[in-house]
Amino acid sequence: MSIPSRIPPARNLIRFRMGQHNDGVTMTVNVKEPGDATVTHAVDLSVDFAETLGERREAYERLLDDAIVGDARRFAREDSVDEAWRIVDPALADPGELFFYERGSWGPPQANDIVGGDVWYPPIS
């Protein structure tokens, strides 16, 4: 009998794809091989929204249709807009120091302070 491996599997990931008619979700999960050893393989589980749910209408098309028929579900209420401004206004009044970075990069190194020891995964295009 072999001794089971104690190597921890890699992290599972969930990626949201948002863009020009390529919307969807991909989950990368680690699947364990049968047996005593902890041997895992990354497997992608993916959903393409257009393929699954059909082509979507453009956002403005939906909003205009809702406005015409008087459906307010996609529109913000006045009290929620006031609350959003109450929260955001102090940051606009005193935005703090600006940090510059190269176009196409993940941003300035100071942004890493926000996530602490966590790992950033670059977007997949």
Protein backbone atom coordinates (compact mmCIF):
# COMPACT_ATOMS: atom_id res chain seq x y z
CA MET A 1 0.00 0.00 0.00
CA SER A 2 1.36 3.44 -0.93
CA ILE A 3 1.34 6.44 1.39
CA PRO A 4 -1.09 9.12 0.17
CA SER A 5 0.48 12.32 -1.12
CA ARG A 6 -0.05 15.47 0.99
CA ILE A 7 0.52 18.05 -1.78
CA PRO A 8 -2.28 20.61 -1.56
CA PRO A 9 -4.21 21.16 -4.80
CA ALA A 10 -4.08 24.49 -6.62
CA ARG A 11 -6.81 27.08 -5.99
CA ASN A 12 -10.13 26.84 -7.76
CA LEU A 13 -10.89 29.90 -9.89
CA ILE A 14 -14.00 31.58 -11.21
CA ARG A 15 -13.65 34.00 -14.14
CA PHE A 16 -16.42 36.22 -15.46
CA ARG A 17 -16.19 37.05 -19.16
CA MET A 18 -17.78 40.39 -19.98
CA GLY A 19 -17.37 41.98 -23.34
CA GLN A 20 -18.55 42.32 -26.85
CA HIS A 21 -20.90 39.32 -27.16
CA ASN A 22 -18.50 36.98 -25.38
CA ASP A 23 -20.21 37.03 -21.98
CA GLY A 24 -19.98 33.96 -19.80
CA VAL A 25 -18.47 32.27 -16.78
CA THR A 26 -15.59 29.83 -16.55
CA MET A 27 -14.87 27.92 -13.36
CA THR A 28 -11.54 26.13 -13.09
CA VAL A 29 -11.89 23.38 -10.53
CA ASN A 30 -9.36 20.83 -9.35
CA VAL A 31 -10.48 17.27 -9.87
CA LYS A 32 -8.82 14.47 -7.87
CA GLU A 33 -7.71 11.32 -9.64
CA PRO A 34 -9.19 8.10 -8.22
CA GLY A 35 -6.95 6.37 -5.69
CA ASP A 36 -5.12 7.12 -2.46
CA ALA A 37 -2.74 9.78 -3.78
CA THR A 38 -3.81 13.41 -3.91
CA VAL A 39 -3.23 14.03 -7.60
CA THR A 40 -5.39 16.74 -9.10
CA HIS A 41 -5.99 18.19 -12.54
CA ALA A 42 -7.44 21.59 -13.39
CA VAL A 43 -10.68 21.25 -15.36
CA ASP A 44 -12.55 24.17 -16.94
CA LEU A 45 -16.34 24.31 -16.63
CA SER A 46 -17.54 27.02 -18.96
CA VAL A 47 -20.85 28.64 -19.91
CA ASP A 48 -21.20 30.93 -22.92
CA PHE A 49 -24.29 33.04 -22.22
CA ALA A 50 -25.17 33.71 -25.89
CA GLU A 51 -24.91 30.02 -26.76
CA THR A 52 -26.92 28.94 -23.72
CA LEU A 53 -29.46 31.76 -23.38
CA GLY A 54 -29.57 33.25 -26.88
CA GLU A 55 -28.26 36.56 -28.15
CA ARG A 56 -28.80 39.43 -25.75
CA ARG A 57 -30.27 42.78 -26.59
CA GLU A 58 -28.09 45.83 -26.16
CA ALA A 59 -28.39 47.61 -22.81
CA TYR A 60 -29.83 50.82 -24.24
CA GLU A 61 -32.38 48.83 -26.24
CA ARG A 62 -33.64 47.23 -23.02
CA LEU A 63 -33.65 50.55 -21.12
CA LEU A 64 -35.54 52.38 -23.84
CA ASP A 65 -38.14 49.61 -24.06
CA ASP A 66 -38.59 49.67 -20.26
CA ALA A 67 -38.91 53.47 -20.21
CA ILE A 68 -41.55 53.37 -22.95
CA VAL A 69 -43.71 50.82 -21.11
CA GLY A 70 -43.12 52.39 -17.67
CA ASP A 71 -41.15 49.48 -16.14
CA ALA A 72 -38.87 51.06 -13.48
CA ARG A 73 -37.02 47.87 -12.41
CA ARG A 74 -33.81 48.77 -14.31
CA PHE A 75 -33.70 52.34 -13.00
CA ALA A 76 -32.25 53.61 -9.72
CA ARG A 77 -34.54 55.02 -7.06
CA GLU A 78 -33.88 58.54 -5.83
CA ASP A 79 -33.01 57.42 -2.28
CA SER A 80 -30.42 54.93 -3.56
CA VAL A 81 -28.81 57.59 -5.78
CA ASP A 82 -28.66 59.98 -2.79
CA GLU A 83 -27.03 57.26 -0.65
CA ALA A 84 -24.47 56.48 -3.36
CA TRP A 85 -23.49 60.16 -3.56
CA ARG A 86 -23.25 60.33 0.25
CA ILE A 87 -20.69 57.51 0.13
CA VAL A 88 -18.75 58.60 -2.97
CA ASP A 89 -18.68 62.37 -2.45
CA PRO A 90 -15.95 62.36 0.27
CA ALA A 91 -13.65 60.35 -2.02
CA LEU A 92 -14.27 62.83 -4.84
CA ALA A 93 -13.60 65.78 -2.53
CA ASP A 94 -10.25 64.32 -1.37
CA PRO A 95 -9.09 61.66 -3.85
CA GLY A 96 -5.66 61.17 -2.29
CA GLU A 97 -2.37 60.67 -4.10
CA LEU A 98 -2.37 59.62 -7.77
CA PHE A 99 -0.10 56.79 -8.93
CA PHE A 100 0.83 56.52 -12.59
CA TYR A 101 1.44 53.26 -14.44
CA GLU A 102 2.12 51.89 -17.92
CA ARG A 103 -0.80 51.42 -20.31
CA GLY A 104 -1.82 47.76 -20.56
CA SER A 105 -0.31 46.91 -17.16
CA TRP A 106 -2.14 45.82 -14.01
CA GLY A 107 -1.62 49.25 -12.50
CA PRO A 108 0.84 50.79 -10.08
CA PRO A 109 2.75 48.63 -7.60
CA GLN A 110 0.93 50.43 -4.76
CA ALA A 111 -2.25 48.60 -5.82
CA ASN A 112 -0.75 45.40 -4.40
CA ASP A 113 -1.15 46.89 -0.92
CA ILE A 114 -4.93 46.55 -1.34
CA VAL A 115 -4.87 42.75 -1.71
CA GLY A 116 -2.20 42.02 0.87
CA GLY A 117 -0.74 38.56 0.35
CA ASP A 118 -3.40 37.38 -2.10
CA VAL A 119 -2.58 36.57 -5.71
CA TRP A 120 -3.81 38.51 -8.76
CA TYR A 121 -4.68 36.50 -11.83
CA PRO A 122 -4.51 38.47 -15.10
CA PRO A 123 -7.65 38.59 -17.25
CA ILE A 124 -7.91 36.24 -20.19
CA SER A 125 -8.96 37.85 -23.41
